Amino acid sequence: MSTIVLDTLEFATRLKAGGFTEQQAETQARALADLVEKQLSTKQDVESHEQNLRRDIETLRLDVKRDIEVLRAELKKELAETHRAIADTKAELVRWVVGVGILQTTLVIGVLARLAKVI
């Protein structure tokens, strides 16, 4: 943190001129100097923090962009697997339907043949 220059002597002098005792003026000047030194930021401090924030935001932006790309790749993979599973299920369903159709046709023909013999 940079140092802020505060003329405590001039401040104390002004307080004395305003009616403060010398002790009160000196105490006020010291307290204000401590406050300024410990708690106020300079323009340089603010710019430094701003640079750090900009850097952090840029890092975060790049991380989010990378994460989105990873999620897109995973989604494409999952989608391809889902399409493959659907195709496999469709093929198996067609085999079952054809098999059941052949079985049903065979059964109907057998029943008709048996009925034909009975008549």
Protein backbone atom coordinates (compact mmCIF):
# COMPACT_ATOMS: atom_id res chain seq x y z
CA MET A 1 0.00 0.00 0.00
CA SER A 2 1.30 3.44 -0.84
CA THR A 3 1.71 6.12 1.76
CA ILE A 4 -0.66 9.07 1.88
CA VAL A 5 0.97 12.27 3.07
CA LEU A 6 -0.99 14.09 5.75
CA ASP A 7 0.38 17.28 7.25
CA THR A 8 -0.53 16.62 10.89
CA LEU A 9 1.12 19.84 12.05
CA GLU A 10 -1.07 21.97 9.78
CA PHE A 11 -4.14 19.96 10.81
CA ALA A 12 -3.36 20.42 14.51
CA THR A 13 -2.72 24.14 13.94
CA ARG A 14 -6.12 24.52 12.30
CA LEU A 15 -7.80 22.68 15.15
CA LYS A 16 -6.10 24.97 17.70
CA ALA A 17 -7.25 27.99 15.69
CA GLY A 18 -10.77 26.56 15.84
CA GLY A 19 -10.74 26.39 19.63
CA PHE A 20 -9.22 22.99 20.44
CA THR A 21 -6.58 22.75 23.12
CA GLU A 22 -3.08 21.77 22.03
CA GLN A 23 -3.50 18.27 23.47
CA GLN A 24 -6.89 17.80 21.76
CA ALA A 25 -5.52 19.04 18.43
CA GLU A 26 -2.47 16.75 18.59
CA THR A 27 -4.62 13.75 19.56
CA GLN A 28 -7.03 14.43 16.71
CA ALA A 29 -4.13 14.84 14.25
CA ARG A 30 -2.52 11.53 15.34
CA ALA A 31 -5.85 9.69 15.18
CA LEU A 32 -6.56 11.04 11.71
CA ALA A 33 -3.04 10.15 10.53
CA ASP A 34 -3.46 6.58 11.82
CA LEU A 35 -6.85 6.29 10.15
CA VAL A 36 -5.56 7.57 6.84
CA GLU A 37 -2.50 5.34 6.95
CA LYS A 38 -4.36 2.16 7.89
CA GLN A 39 -7.68 2.39 6.10
CA LEU A 40 -7.61 4.65 3.08
CA SER A 41 -6.52 3.38 -0.31
CA THR A 42 -4.61 5.26 -2.91
CA LYS A 43 -5.39 5.35 -6.60
CA GLN A 44 -2.43 3.03 -7.09
CA ASP A 45 -3.93 0.55 -4.60
CA VAL A 46 -7.25 0.61 -6.42
CA GLU A 47 -5.57 0.16 -9.82
CA SER A 48 -3.54 -2.75 -8.48
CA HIS A 49 -6.66 -4.45 -7.14
CA GLU A 50 -8.44 -3.73 -10.43
CA GLN A 51 -5.62 -5.40 -12.36
CA ASN A 52 -5.81 -8.42 -10.07
CA LEU A 53 -9.57 -8.62 -10.54
CA ARG A 54 -9.26 -8.33 -14.32
CA ARG A 55 -6.68 -11.12 -14.30
CA ASP A 56 -8.90 -13.29 -12.10
CA ILE A 57 -11.93 -12.63 -14.32
CA GLU A 58 -9.94 -13.55 -17.44
CA THR A 59 -8.71 -16.75 -15.78
CA LEU A 60 -12.26 -17.59 -14.76
CA ARG A 61 -13.54 -16.86 -18.27
CA LEU A 62 -10.95 -19.20 -19.78
CA ASP A 63 -11.78 -21.90 -17.21
CA VAL A 64 -15.49 -21.64 -17.96
CA LYS A 65 -14.81 -21.76 -21.71
CA ARG A 66 -12.67 -24.89 -21.25
CA ASP A 67 -15.32 -26.51 -19.07
CA ILE A 68 -18.01 -25.78 -21.68
CA GLU A 69 -15.88 -27.42 -24.38
CA VAL A 70 -15.36 -30.48 -22.17
CA LEU A 71 -19.11 -30.70 -21.53
CA ARG A 72 -19.84 -30.38 -25.26
CA ALA A 73 -17.46 -33.23 -26.04
CA GLU A 74 -19.03 -35.40 -23.33
CA LEU A 75 -22.51 -34.55 -24.58
CA LYS A 76 -21.57 -35.50 -28.16
CA LYS A 77 -20.18 -38.80 -26.89
CA GLU A 78 -23.31 -39.52 -24.84
CA LEU A 79 -25.53 -38.58 -27.78
CA ALA A 80 -23.63 -40.93 -30.11
CA GLU A 81 -23.94 -43.75 -27.55
CA THR A 82 -27.67 -43.06 -27.22
CA HIS A 83 -28.14 -43.16 -31.01
CA ARG A 84 -26.22 -46.44 -31.14
CA ALA A 85 -28.36 -47.92 -28.34
CA ILE A 86 -31.55 -46.81 -30.09
CA ALA A 87 -30.38 -48.40 -33.35
CA ASP A 88 -29.53 -51.64 -31.54
CA THR A 89 -32.92 -51.66 -29.81
CA LYS A 90 -34.67 -50.99 -33.10
CA ALA A 91 -32.85 -53.87 -34.81
CA GLU A 92 -33.70 -56.22 -31.94
CA LEU A 93 -37.33 -55.10 -32.00
CA VAL A 94 -37.54 -55.75 -35.75
CA ARG A 95 -36.10 -59.26 -35.21
CA TRP A 96 -38.70 -59.96 -32.52
CA VAL A 97 -41.58 -58.65 -34.62
CA VAL A 98 -40.45 -60.66 -37.64
CA GLY A 99 -39.93 -63.75 -35.46
CA VAL A 100 -43.35 -63.39 -33.84
CA GLY A 101 -44.89 -62.78 -37.27
CA ILE A 102 -43.31 -65.94 -38.67
CA LEU A 103 -44.37 -67.91 -35.59
CA GLN A 104 -47.90 -66.57 -35.82
CA THR A 105 -48.09 -67.32 -39.54
CA THR A 106 -46.78 -70.84 -38.94
CA LEU A 107 -49.32 -71.33 -36.17
CA VAL A 108 -52.21 -70.09 -38.34
CA ILE A 109 -51.11 -72.31 -41.24
CA GLY A 110 -50.83 -75.28 -38.87
CA VAL A 111 -54.28 -74.64 -37.43
CA LEU A 112 -55.76 -74.24 -40.93
CA ALA A 113 -54.05 -77.44 -42.10
CA ARG A 114 -55.38 -79.33 -39.09
CA LEU A 115 -58.85 -77.93 -39.71
CA ALA A 116 -58.58 -78.91 -43.36
CA LYS A 117 -57.80 -82.50 -42.35
CA VAL A 118 -60.71 -82.57 -39.94
CA ILE A 119 -63.20 -81.41 -42.50
